[in-house]
């Protein structure tokens, strides 16, 4: 099974795909079950903790780049119920307008 997983991911990497697993992948079943038992805000806060590691790595590599940190702070405030999603959306849009487009598409839509 481990070899099949490595082969599956290697093929998707070669094909330059950004999503390596389908929603119903057997490799994600345990994680999916755990996440389905949690409320949405708990899952978001957990994801933001993981995202914080990436933001920190970006800050080390690009110390003057503040967009990821600002966007993450706004998203965390939403998850804690402190602001509405519209405020997060507006923050991301403001950052794009002020500093130019990000290399990846914005994930927030209205």
PDB file of N, CA and C in Angstrom:
ATOM      1  N   UNK A   1       0.829  -1.191   0.000  1.00  0.00           N
ATOM      2  CA  UNK A   1       0.000   0.000   0.000  1.00  0.00           C
ATOM      3  C   UNK A   1       0.876   1.259   0.000  1.00  0.00           C
ATOM      4  N   UNK A   2       1.951   1.255   0.784  1.00  0.00           N
ATOM      5  CA  UNK A   2       2.846   2.411   0.848  1.00  0.00           C
ATOM      6  C   UNK A   2       3.460   2.683  -0.528  1.00  0.00           C
ATOM      7  N   UNK A   3       3.835   1.622  -1.237  1.00  0.00           N
ATOM      8  CA  UNK A   3       4.417   1.784  -2.563  1.00  0.00           C
ATOM      9  C   UNK A   3       3.394   2.376  -3.532  1.00  0.00           C
ATOM     10  N   UNK A   4       2.150   1.907  -3.417  1.00  0.00           N
ATOM     11  CA  UNK A   4       1.089   2.434  -4.282  1.00  0.00           C
ATOM     12  C   UNK A   4       0.890   3.924  -4.035  1.00  0.00           C
ATOM     13  N   UNK A   5       0.953   4.345  -2.780  1.00  0.00           N
ATOM     14  CA  UNK A   5       0.808   5.759  -2.428  1.00  0.00           C
ATOM     15  C   UNK A   5       1.934   6.575  -3.042  1.00  0.00           C
ATOM     16  N   UNK A   6       3.149   6.103  -2.888  1.00  0.00           N
ATOM     17  CA  UNK A   6       4.306   6.823  -3.440  1.00  0.00           C
ATOM     18  C   UNK A   6       4.208   6.905  -4.954  1.00  0.00           C
ATOM     19  N   UNK A   7       3.801   5.791  -5.609  1.00  0.00           N
ATOM     20  CA  UNK A   7       3.645   5.794  -7.070  1.00  0.00           C
ATOM     21  C   UNK A   7       2.562   6.778  -7.509  1.00  0.00           C
ATOM     22  N   UNK A   8       1.439   6.797  -6.766  1.00  0.00           N
ATOM     23  CA  UNK A   8       0.330   7.694  -7.095  1.00  0.00           C
ATOM     24  C   UNK A   8       0.768   9.157  -7.000  1.00  0.00           C
ATOM     25  N   UNK A   9       1.454   9.500  -5.940  1.00  0.00           N
ATOM     26  CA  UNK A   9       1.896  10.883  -5.743  1.00  0.00           C
ATOM     27  C   UNK A   9       2.971  11.245  -6.760  1.00  0.00           C
ATOM     28  N   UNK A  10       3.900  10.344  -7.019  1.00  0.00           N
ATOM     29  CA  UNK A  10       4.966  10.612  -7.992  1.00  0.00           C
ATOM     30  C   UNK A  10       4.392  10.920  -9.366  1.00  0.00           C
ATOM     31  N   UNK A  11       3.375  10.167  -9.771  1.00  0.00           N
ATOM     32  CA  UNK A  11       2.734  10.395 -11.067  1.00  0.00           C
ATOM     33  C   UNK A  11       2.097  11.777 -11.121  1.00  0.00           C
ATOM     34  N   UNK A  12       1.429  12.170 -10.034  1.00  0.00           N
ATOM     35  CA  UNK A  12       0.765  13.480 -10.005  1.00  0.00           C
ATOM     36  C   UNK A  12       1.783  14.615  -9.978  1.00  0.00           C
ATOM     37  N   UNK A  13       2.898  14.397  -9.315  1.00  0.00           N
ATOM     38  CA  UNK A  13       3.967  15.409  -9.302  1.00  0.00           C
ATOM     39  C   UNK A  13       4.538  15.571 -10.710  1.00  0.00           C
ATOM     40  N   UNK A  14       4.786  14.463 -11.390  1.00  0.00           N
ATOM     41  CA  UNK A  14       5.300  14.523 -12.770  1.00  0.00           C
ATOM     42  C   UNK A  14       4.327  15.250 -13.695  1.00  0.00           C
ATOM     43  N   UNK A  15       3.029  15.080 -13.452  1.00  0.00           N
ATOM     44  CA  UNK A  15       2.007  15.734 -14.277  1.00  0.00           C
ATOM     45  C   UNK A  15       1.716  17.154 -13.811  1.00  0.00           C
ATOM     46  N   UNK A  16       2.486  17.622 -12.826  1.00  0.00           N
ATOM     47  CA  UNK A  16       2.386  18.981 -12.293  1.00  0.00           C
ATOM     48  C   UNK A  16       1.008  19.290 -11.712  1.00  0.00           C
ATOM     49  N   UNK A  17       0.411  18.304 -11.095  1.00  0.00           N
ATOM     50  CA  UNK A  17      -0.864  18.520 -10.425  1.00  0.00           C
ATOM     51  C   UNK A  17      -0.605  19.079  -9.036  1.00  0.00           C
ATOM     52  N   UNK A  18      -1.519  19.916  -8.566  1.00  0.00           N
ATOM     53  CA  UNK A  18      -1.357  20.506  -7.245  1.00  0.00           C
ATOM     54  C   UNK A  18      -2.164  19.767  -6.183  1.00  0.00           C
ATOM     55  N   UNK A  19      -3.110  18.959  -6.605  1.00  0.00           N
ATOM     56  CA  UNK A  19      -3.907  18.174  -5.658  1.00  0.00           C
ATOM     57  C   UNK A  19      -3.501  16.721  -5.826  1.00  0.00           C
ATOM     58  N   UNK A  20      -3.003  16.126  -4.759  1.00  0.00           N
ATOM     59  CA  UNK A  20      -2.458  14.783  -4.840  1.00  0.00           C
ATOM     60  C   UNK A  20      -3.443  13.686  -4.455  1.00  0.00           C
ATOM     61  N   UNK A  21      -4.505  14.028  -3.750  1.00  0.00           N
ATOM     62  CA  UNK A  21      -5.457  13.020  -3.299  1.00  0.00           C
ATOM     63  C   UNK A  21      -6.867  13.450  -3.662  1.00  0.00           C
ATOM     64  N   UNK A  22      -7.703  12.499  -3.978  1.00  0.00           N
ATOM     65  CA  UNK A  22      -9.113  12.810  -4.205  1.00  0.00           C
ATOM     66  C   UNK A  22      -9.801  12.917  -2.851  1.00  0.00           C
ATOM     67  N   UNK A  23     -10.977  13.493  -2.863  1.00  0.00           N
ATOM     68  CA  UNK A  23     -11.733  13.693  -1.619  1.00  0.00           C
ATOM     69  C   UNK A  23     -11.993  12.371  -0.896  1.00  0.00           C
ATOM     70  N   UNK A  24     -12.166  11.302  -1.631  1.00  0.00           N
ATOM     71  CA  UNK A  24     -12.496  10.000  -1.042  1.00  0.00           C
ATOM     72  C   UNK A  24     -11.294   9.059  -0.978  1.00  0.00           C
ATOM     73  N   UNK A  25     -10.103   9.586  -1.055  1.00  0.00           N
ATOM     74  CA  UNK A  25      -8.904   8.756  -1.049  1.00  0.00           C
ATOM     75  C   UNK A  25      -8.814   7.936   0.232  1.00  0.00           C
ATOM     76  N   UNK A  26      -8.446   6.649   0.060  1.00  0.00           N
ATOM     77  CA  UNK A  26      -8.296   5.782   1.228  1.00  0.00           C
ATOM     78  C   UNK A  26      -7.176   6.274   2.145  1.00  0.00           C
ATOM     79  N   UNK A  27      -6.241   7.016   1.595  1.00  0.00           N
ATOM     80  CA  UNK A  27      -5.117   7.508   2.380  1.00  0.00           C
ATOM     81  C   UNK A  27      -5.509   8.651   3.315  1.00  0.00           C
ATOM     82  N   UNK A  28      -6.652   9.267   3.028  1.00  0.00           N
ATOM     83  CA  UNK A  28      -7.116  10.383   3.847  1.00  0.00           C
ATOM     84  C   UNK A  28      -8.323  10.010   4.719  1.00  0.00           C
ATOM     85  N   UNK A  29      -8.748   8.755   4.671  1.00  0.00           N
ATOM     86  CA  UNK A  29      -9.960   8.336   5.358  1.00  0.00           C
ATOM     87  C   UNK A  29      -9.922   8.639   6.865  1.00  0.00           C
ATOM     88  N   UNK A  30      -8.855   8.261   7.557  1.00  0.00           N
ATOM     89  CA  UNK A  30      -8.774   8.501   9.004  1.00  0.00           C
ATOM     90  C   UNK A  30      -8.828   9.995   9.326  1.00  0.00           C
ATOM     91  N   UNK A  31      -8.076  10.777   8.574  1.00  0.00           N
ATOM     92  CA  UNK A  31      -8.082  12.223   8.782  1.00  0.00           C
ATOM     93  C   UNK A  31      -9.463  12.801   8.489  1.00  0.00           C
ATOM     94  N   UNK A  32     -10.082  12.341   7.431  1.00  0.00           N
ATOM     95  CA  UNK A  32     -11.412  12.816   7.061  1.00  0.00           C
ATOM     96  C   UNK A  32     -12.431  12.531   8.161  1.00  0.00           C
ATOM     97  N   UNK A  33     -12.373  11.346   8.732  1.00  0.00           N
ATOM     98  CA  UNK A  33     -13.291  10.991   9.817  1.00  0.00           C
ATOM     99  C   UNK A  33     -13.059  11.888  11.035  1.00  0.00           C
ATOM    100  N   UNK A  34     -11.808  12.112  11.377  1.00  0.00           N
ATOM    101  CA  UNK A  34     -11.491  12.972  12.513  1.00  0.00           C
ATOM    102  C   UNK A  34     -11.998  14.393  12.283  1.00  0.00           C
ATOM    103  N   UNK A  35     -11.763  14.917  11.088  1.00  0.00           N
ATOM    104  CA  UNK A  35     -12.190  16.280  10.775  1.00  0.00           C
ATOM    105  C   UNK A  35     -13.712  16.410  10.751  1.00  0.00           C
ATOM    106  N   UNK A  36     -14.389  15.359  10.297  1.00  0.00           N
ATOM    107  CA  UNK A  36     -15.857  15.427  10.228  1.00  0.00           C
ATOM    108  C   UNK A  36     -16.497  15.468  11.605  1.00  0.00           C
ATOM    109  N   UNK A  37     -15.769  15.052  12.622  1.00  0.00           N
ATOM    110  CA  UNK A  37     -16.291  15.070  13.993  1.00  0.00           C
ATOM    111  C   UNK A  37     -16.113  16.425  14.663  1.00  0.00           C
ATOM    112  N   UNK A  38     -15.352  17.318  14.050  1.00  0.00           N
ATOM    113  CA  UNK A  38     -15.050  18.616  14.645  1.00  0.00           C
ATOM    114  C   UNK A  38     -15.954  19.689  14.035  1.00  0.00           C
ATOM    115  N   UNK A  39     -16.133  20.781  14.786  1.00  0.00           N
ATOM    116  CA  UNK A  39     -16.888  21.882  14.194  1.00  0.00           C
ATOM    117  C   UNK A  39     -15.964  22.676  13.257  1.00  0.00           C
ATOM    118  N   UNK A  40     -16.577  23.473  12.424  1.00  0.00           N
ATOM    119  CA  UNK A  40     -15.845  24.188  11.370  1.00  0.00           C
ATOM    120  C   UNK A  40     -14.758  25.107  11.918  1.00  0.00           C
ATOM    121  N   UNK A  41     -15.055  25.826  12.956  1.00  0.00           N
ATOM    122  CA  UNK A  41     -14.062  26.754  13.508  1.00  0.00           C
ATOM    123  C   UNK A  41     -12.855  26.018  14.089  1.00  0.00           C
ATOM    124  N   UNK A  42     -13.096  24.880  14.721  1.00  0.00           N
ATOM    125  CA  UNK A  42     -11.990  24.090  15.272  1.00  0.00           C
ATOM    126  C   UNK A  42     -11.065  23.629  14.151  1.00  0.00           C
ATOM    127  N   UNK A  43     -11.651  23.140  13.064  1.00  0.00           N
ATOM    128  CA  UNK A  43     -10.851  22.686  11.922  1.00  0.00           C
ATOM    129  C   UNK A  43     -10.073  23.858  11.327  1.00  0.00           C
ATOM    130  N   UNK A  44     -10.719  25.013  11.222  1.00  0.00           N
ATOM    131  CA  UNK A  44     -10.029  26.196  10.682  1.00  0.00           C
ATOM    132  C   UNK A  44      -8.865  26.609  11.566  1.00  0.00           C
ATOM    133  N   UNK A  45      -9.069  26.630  12.863  1.00  0.00           N
ATOM    134  CA  UNK A  45      -7.985  27.021  13.766  1.00  0.00           C
ATOM    135  C   UNK A  45      -6.814  26.045  13.668  1.00  0.00           C
ATOM    136  N   UNK A  46      -7.121  24.773  13.541  1.00  0.00           N
ATOM    137  CA  UNK A  46      -6.069  23.764  13.371  1.00  0.00           C
ATOM    138  C   UNK A  46      -5.303  24.028  12.070  1.00  0.00           C
ATOM    139  N   UNK A  47      -6.043  24.285  10.994  1.00  0.00           N
ATOM    140  CA  UNK A  47      -5.405  24.566   9.702  1.00  0.00           C
ATOM    141  C   UNK A  47      -4.547  25.827   9.782  1.00  0.00           C
ATOM    142  N   UNK A  48      -5.027  26.827  10.517  1.00  0.00           N
ATOM    143  CA  UNK A  48      -4.253  28.059  10.650  1.00  0.00           C
ATOM    144  C   UNK A  48      -2.966  27.830  11.429  1.00  0.00           C
ATOM    145  N   UNK A  49      -3.009  26.941  12.406  1.00  0.00           N
ATOM    146  CA  UNK A  49      -1.776  26.605  13.122  1.00  0.00           C
ATOM    147  C   UNK A  49      -0.752  26.012  12.160  1.00  0.00           C
ATOM    148  N   UNK A  50      -1.220  25.135  11.270  1.00  0.00           N
ATOM    149  CA  UNK A  50      -0.317  24.556  10.270  1.00  0.00           C
ATOM    150  C   UNK A  50       0.163  25.621   9.289  1.00  0.00           C
ATOM    151  N   UNK A  51      -0.744  26.497   8.882  1.00  0.00           N
ATOM    152  CA  UNK A  51      -0.374  27.560   7.939  1.00  0.00           C
ATOM    153  C   UNK A  51       0.654  28.509   8.563  1.00  0.00           C
ATOM    154  N   UNK A  52       0.592  28.672   9.861  1.00  0.00           N
ATOM    155  CA  UNK A  52       1.542  29.558  10.546  1.00  0.00           C
ATOM    156  C   UNK A  52       2.977  29.130  10.297  1.00  0.00           C
ATOM    157  N   UNK A  53       3.200  27.824  10.210  1.00  0.00           N
ATOM    158  CA  UNK A  53       4.550  27.326   9.943  1.00  0.00           C
ATOM    159  C   UNK A  53       5.033  27.799   8.564  1.00  0.00           C
ATOM    160  N   UNK A  54       4.145  27.755   7.581  1.00  0.00           N
ATOM    161  CA  UNK A  54       4.514  28.205   6.238  1.00  0.00           C
ATOM    162  C   UNK A  54       4.754  29.706   6.199  1.00  0.00           C
ATOM    163  N   UNK A  55       3.893  30.441   6.890  1.00  0.00           N
ATOM    164  CA  UNK A  55       4.050  31.900   6.939  1.00  0.00           C
ATOM    165  C   UNK A  55       5.385  32.257   7.583  1.00  0.00           C
ATOM    166  N   UNK A  56       5.743  31.539   8.630  1.00  0.00           N
ATOM    167  CA  UNK A  56       7.025  31.777   9.306  1.00  0.00           C
ATOM    168  C   UNK A  56       8.194  31.497   8.350  1.00  0.00           C
ATOM    169  N   UNK A  57       8.105  30.404   7.612  1.00  0.00           N
ATOM    170  CA  UNK A  57       9.163  30.070   6.650  1.00  0.00           C
ATOM    171  C   UNK A  57       9.270  31.140   5.573  1.00  0.00           C
ATOM    172  N   UNK A  58       8.125  31.641   5.102  1.00  0.00           N
ATOM    173  CA  UNK A  58       8.142  32.712   4.103  1.00  0.00           C
ATOM    174  C   UNK A  58       8.749  33.986   4.673  1.00  0.00           C
ATOM    175  N   UNK A  59       8.447  34.278   5.935  1.00  0.00           N
ATOM    176  CA  UNK A  59       8.976  35.487   6.562  1.00  0.00           C
ATOM    177  C   UNK A  59      10.500  35.421   6.676  1.00  0.00           C
ATOM    178  N   UNK A  60      11.016  34.233   6.948  1.00  0.00           N
ATOM    179  CA  UNK A  60      12.471  34.065   7.025  1.00  0.00           C
ATOM    180  C   UNK A  60      13.096  34.275   5.646  1.00  0.00           C
ATOM    181  N   UNK A  61      12.462  33.713   4.612  1.00  0.00           N
ATOM    182  CA  UNK A  61      13.010  33.806   3.261  1.00  0.00           C
ATOM    183  C   UNK A  61      12.779  35.181   2.638  1.00  0.00           C
ATOM    184  N   UNK A  62      11.621  35.777   2.929  1.00  0.00           N
ATOM    185  CA  UNK A  62      11.255  37.085   2.371  1.00  0.00           C
ATOM    186  C   UNK A  62      10.838  38.017   3.505  1.00  0.00           C
ATOM    187  N   UNK A  63      11.780  38.570   4.235  1.00  0.00           N
ATOM    188  CA  UNK A  63      11.457  39.340   5.439  1.00  0.00           C
ATOM    189  C   UNK A  63      10.599  40.580   5.211  1.00  0.00           C
ATOM    190  N   UNK A  64      10.627  41.166   4.031  1.00  0.00           N
ATOM    191  CA  UNK A  64       9.823  42.368   3.800  1.00  0.00           C
ATOM    192  C   UNK A  64       8.410  42.042   3.316  1.00  0.00           C
ATOM    193  N   UNK A  65       8.153  40.797   2.963  1.00  0.00           N
ATOM    194  CA  UNK A  65       6.827  40.379   2.482  1.00  0.00           C
ATOM    195  C   UNK A  65       5.902  40.139   3.671  1.00  0.00           C
ATOM    196  N   UNK A  66       4.857  40.947   3.775  1.00  0.00           N
ATOM    197  CA  UNK A  66       3.959  40.853   4.930  1.00  0.00           C
ATOM    198  C   UNK A  66       2.565  40.323   4.587  1.00  0.00           C
ATOM    199  N   UNK A  67       2.252  40.171   3.291  1.00  0.00           N
ATOM    200  CA  UNK A  67       0.901  39.756   2.900  1.00  0.00           C
ATOM    201  C   UNK A  67       0.439  38.430   3.514  1.00  0.00           C
ATOM    202  N   UNK A  68       1.263  37.380   3.483  1.00  0.00           N
ATOM    203  CA  UNK A  68       0.778  36.125   4.068  1.00  0.00           C
ATOM    204  C   UNK A  68       0.439  36.255   5.554  1.00  0.00           C
ATOM    205  N   UNK A  69       1.260  36.972   6.288  1.00  0.00           N
ATOM    206  CA  UNK A  69       1.027  37.148   7.724  1.00  0.00           C
ATOM    207  C   UNK A  69      -0.246  37.959   7.988  1.00  0.00           C
ATOM    208  N   UNK A  70      -0.453  39.025   7.232  1.00  0.00           N
ATOM    209  CA  UNK A  70      -1.650  39.851   7.404  1.00  0.00           C
ATOM    210  C   UNK A  70      -2.907  39.045   7.073  1.00  0.00           C
ATOM    211  N   UNK A  71      -2.868  38.314   5.965  1.00  0.00           N
ATOM    212  CA  UNK A  71      -4.024  37.505   5.564  1.00  0.00           C
ATOM    213  C   UNK A  71      -4.317  36.416   6.587  1.00  0.00           C
ATOM    214  N   UNK A  72      -3.285  35.777   7.103  1.00  0.00           N
ATOM    215  CA  UNK A  72      -3.481  34.727   8.103  1.00  0.00           C
ATOM    216  C   UNK A  72      -4.065  35.294   9.393  1.00  0.00           C
ATOM    217  N   UNK A  73      -3.590  36.465   9.814  1.00  0.00           N
ATOM    218  CA  UNK A  73      -4.148  37.092  11.019  1.00  0.00           C
ATOM    219  C   UNK A  73      -5.625  37.411  10.842  1.00  0.00           C
ATOM    220  N   UNK A  74      -5.996  37.893   9.667  1.00  0.00           N
ATOM    221  CA  UNK A  74      -7.405  38.200   9.409  1.00  0.00           C
ATOM    222  C   UNK A  74      -8.243  36.928   9.412  1.00  0.00           C
ATOM    223  N   UNK A  75      -7.740  35.878   8.798  1.00  0.00           N
ATOM    224  CA  UNK A  75      -8.475  34.610   8.759  1.00  0.00           C
ATOM    225  C   UNK A  75      -8.631  34.020  10.153  1.00  0.00           C
ATOM    226  N   UNK A  76      -7.599  34.129  10.971  1.00  0.00           N
ATOM    227  CA  UNK A  76      -7.695  33.639  12.352  1.00  0.00           C
ATOM    228  C   UNK A  76      -8.726  34.433  13.146  1.00  0.00           C
ATOM    229  N   UNK A  77      -8.766  35.733  12.936  1.00  0.00           N
ATOM    230  CA  UNK A  77      -9.757  36.562  13.623  1.00  0.00           C
ATOM    231  C   UNK A  77     -11.172  36.135  13.222  1.00  0.00           C
ATOM    232  N   UNK A  78     -11.352  35.782  11.938  1.00  0.00           N
ATOM    233  CA  UNK A  78     -12.658  35.279  11.489  1.00  0.00           C
ATOM    234  C   UNK A  78     -13.001  33.976  12.205  1.00  0.00           C
ATOM    235  N   UNK A  79     -12.036  33.073  12.275  1.00  0.00           N
ATOM    236  CA  UNK A  79     -12.288  31.769  12.892  1.00  0.00           C
ATOM    237  C   UNK A  79     -12.632  31.902  14.367  1.00  0.00           C
ATOM    238  N   UNK A  80     -12.088  32.921  15.016  1.00  0.00           N
ATOM    239  CA  UNK A  80     -12.415  33.150  16.434  1.00  0.00           C
ATOM    240  C   UNK A  80     -13.732  33.899  16.594  1.00  0.00           C
ATOM    241  N   UNK A  81     -14.344  34.286  15.476  1.00  0.00           N
ATOM    242  CA  UNK A  81     -15.617  34.998  15.528  1.00  0.00           C
ATOM    243  C   UNK A  81     -15.480  36.487  15.769  1.00  0.00           C
ATOM    244  N   UNK A  82     -14.281  37.016  15.610  1.00  0.00           N
ATOM    245  CA  UNK A  82     -14.033  38.432  15.885  1.00  0.00           C
ATOM    246  C   UNK A  82     -14.403  39.332  14.712  1.00  0.00           C
ATOM    247  N   UNK A  83     -14.325  38.817  13.494  1.00  0.00           N
ATOM    248  CA  UNK A  83     -14.688  39.599  12.308  1.00  0.00           C
ATOM    249  C   UNK A  83     -15.487  38.709  11.356  1.00  0.00           C
ATOM    250  N   UNK A  84     -16.169  39.327  10.419  1.00  0.00           N
ATOM    251  CA  UNK A  84     -16.947  38.592   9.417  1.00  0.00           C
ATOM    252  C   UNK A  84     -16.038  38.217   8.236  1.00  0.00           C
ATOM    253  N   UNK A  85     -16.435  37.184   7.491  1.00  0.00           N
ATOM    254  CA  UNK A  85     -15.640  36.736   6.351  1.00  0.00           C
ATOM    255  C   UNK A  85     -15.436  37.856   5.344  1.00  0.00           C
ATOM    256  N   UNK A  86     -16.410  38.732   5.214  1.00  0.00           N
ATOM    257  CA  UNK A  86     -16.271  39.851   4.289  1.00  0.00           C
ATOM    258  C   UNK A  86     -15.035  40.692   4.627  1.00  0.00           C
ATOM    259  N   UNK A  87     -14.748  40.857   5.909  1.00  0.00           N
ATOM    260  CA  UNK A  87     -13.568  41.628   6.315  1.00  0.00           C
ATOM    261  C   UNK A  87     -12.286  40.918   5.890  1.00  0.00           C
ATOM    262  N   UNK A  88     -12.270  39.598   5.976  1.00  0.00           N
ATOM    263  CA  UNK A  88     -11.100  38.837   5.527  1.00  0.00           C
ATOM    264  C   UNK A  88     -10.943  38.998   4.021  1.00  0.00           C
ATOM    265  N   UNK A  89     -12.045  38.857   3.314  1.00  0.00           N
ATOM    266  CA  UNK A  89     -12.044  39.013   1.855  1.00  0.00           C
ATOM    267  C   UNK A  89     -11.512  40.394   1.470  1.00  0.00           C
ATOM    268  N   UNK A  90     -12.016  41.426   2.128  1.00  0.00           N
ATOM    269  CA  UNK A  90     -11.579  42.791   1.827  1.00  0.00           C
ATOM    270  C   UNK A  90     -10.100  42.986   2.142  1.00  0.00           C
ATOM    271  N   UNK A  91      -9.619  42.356   3.211  1.00  0.00           N
ATOM    272  CA  UNK A  91      -8.201  42.443   3.559  1.00  0.00           C
ATOM    273  C   UNK A  91      -7.345  41.849   2.449  1.00  0.00           C
ATOM    274  N   UNK A  92      -7.722  40.665   1.975  1.00  0.00           N
ATOM    275  CA  UNK A  92      -6.957  40.014   0.911  1.00  0.00           C
ATOM    276  C   UNK A  92      -7.000  40.848  -0.368  1.00  0.00           C
ATOM    277  N   UNK A  93      -8.173  41.361  -0.705  1.00  0.00           N
ATOM    278  CA  UNK A  93      -8.301  42.182  -1.912  1.00  0.00           C
ATOM    279  C   UNK A  93      -7.466  43.462  -1.792  1.00  0.00           C
ATOM    280  N   UNK A  94      -7.472  44.088  -0.614  1.00  0.00           N
ATOM    281  CA  UNK A  94      -6.672  45.294  -0.389  1.00  0.00           C
ATOM    282  C   UNK A  94      -5.184  44.977  -0.575  1.00  0.00           C
ATOM    283  N   UNK A  95      -4.741  43.850  -0.031  1.00  0.00           N
ATOM    284  CA  UNK A  95      -3.336  43.478  -0.164  1.00  0.00           C
ATOM    285  C   UNK A  95      -2.966  43.250  -1.621  1.00  0.00           C
ATOM    286  N   UNK A  96      -3.863  42.626  -2.375  1.00  0.00           N
ATOM    287  CA  UNK A  96      -3.571  42.415  -3.791  1.00  0.00           C
ATOM    288  C   UNK A  96      -3.530  43.727  -4.556  1.00  0.00           C
ATOM    289  N   UNK A  97      -4.458  44.616  -4.242  1.00  0.00           N
ATOM    290  CA  UNK A  97      -4.483  45.900  -4.943  1.00  0.00           C
ATOM    291  C   UNK A  97      -3.238  46.722  -4.619  1.00  0.00           C
ATOM    292  N   UNK A  98      -2.861  46.722  -3.357  1.00  0.00           N
ATOM    293  CA  UNK A  98      -1.730  47.527  -2.919  1.00  0.00           C
ATOM    294  C   UNK A  98      -0.390  46.966  -3.407  1.00  0.00           C
ATOM    295  N   UNK A  99      -0.243  45.651  -3.353  1.00  0.00           N
ATOM    296  CA  UNK A  99       1.057  45.053  -3.635  1.00  0.00           C
ATOM    297  C   UNK A  99       1.107  44.231  -4.914  1.00  0.00           C
ATOM    298  N   UNK A 100       0.008  44.130  -5.622  1.00  0.00           N
ATOM    299  CA  UNK A 100      -0.005  43.332  -6.848  1.00  0.00           C
ATOM    300  C   UNK A 100      -0.534  41.934  -6.603  1.00  0.00           C
ATOM    301  N   UNK A 101      -0.784  41.259  -7.675  1.00  0.00           N
ATOM    302  CA  UNK A 101      -1.365  39.919  -7.595  1.00  0.00           C
ATOM    303  C   UNK A 101      -0.413  38.936  -6.934  1.00  0.00           C
ATOM    304  N   UNK A 102      -1.018  37.989  -6.265  1.00  0.00           N
ATOM    305  CA  UNK A 102      -0.256  36.870  -5.727  1.00  0.00           C
ATOM    306  C   UNK A 102      -0.019  35.895  -6.864  1.00  0.00           C
ATOM    307  N   UNK A 103       0.934  35.027  -6.719  1.00  0.00           N
ATOM    308  CA  UNK A 103       1.215  34.055  -7.775  1.00  0.00           C
ATOM    309  C   UNK A 103       0.153  32.965  -7.845  1.00  0.00           C
ATOM    310  N   UNK A 104      -0.602  32.796  -6.779  1.00  0.00           N
ATOM    311  CA  UNK A 104      -1.671  31.804  -6.792  1.00  0.00           C
ATOM    312  C   UNK A 104      -3.004  32.513  -6.687  1.00  0.00           C
ATOM    313  N   UNK A 105      -4.081  31.917  -7.152  1.00  0.00           N
ATOM    314  CA  UNK A 105      -5.372  32.589  -7.111  1.00  0.00           C
ATOM    315  C   UNK A 105      -5.876  32.778  -5.693  1.00  0.00           C
ATOM    316  N   UNK A 106      -6.662  33.797  -5.503  1.00  0.00           N
ATOM    317  CA  UNK A 106      -7.272  34.057  -4.197  1.00  0.00           C
ATOM    318  C   UNK A 106      -8.293  32.967  -3.928  1.00  0.00           C
ATOM    319  N   UNK A 107      -8.304  32.446  -2.716  1.00  0.00           N
ATOM    320  CA  UNK A 107      -9.199  31.352  -2.374  1.00  0.00           C
ATOM    321  C   UNK A 107     -10.522  31.851  -1.808  1.00  0.00           C
ATOM    322  N   UNK A 108     -10.608  33.120  -1.484  1.00  0.00           N
ATOM    323  CA  UNK A 108     -11.823  33.668  -0.913  1.00  0.00           C
ATOM    324  C   UNK A 108     -12.699  34.230  -2.018  1.00  0.00           C
ATOM    325  N   UNK A 109     -13.951  33.842  -2.030  1.00  0.00           N
ATOM    326  CA  UNK A 109     -14.887  34.381  -2.994  1.00  0.00           C
ATOM    327  C   UNK A 109     -16.128  34.830  -2.264  1.00  0.00           C
ATOM    328  N   UNK A 110     -16.843  35.759  -2.855  1.00  0.00           N
ATOM    329  CA  UNK A 110     -18.078  36.215  -2.222  1.00  0.00           C
ATOM    330  C   UNK A 110     -19.258  35.634  -2.925  1.00  0.00           C
TER     331      UNK A 110
END
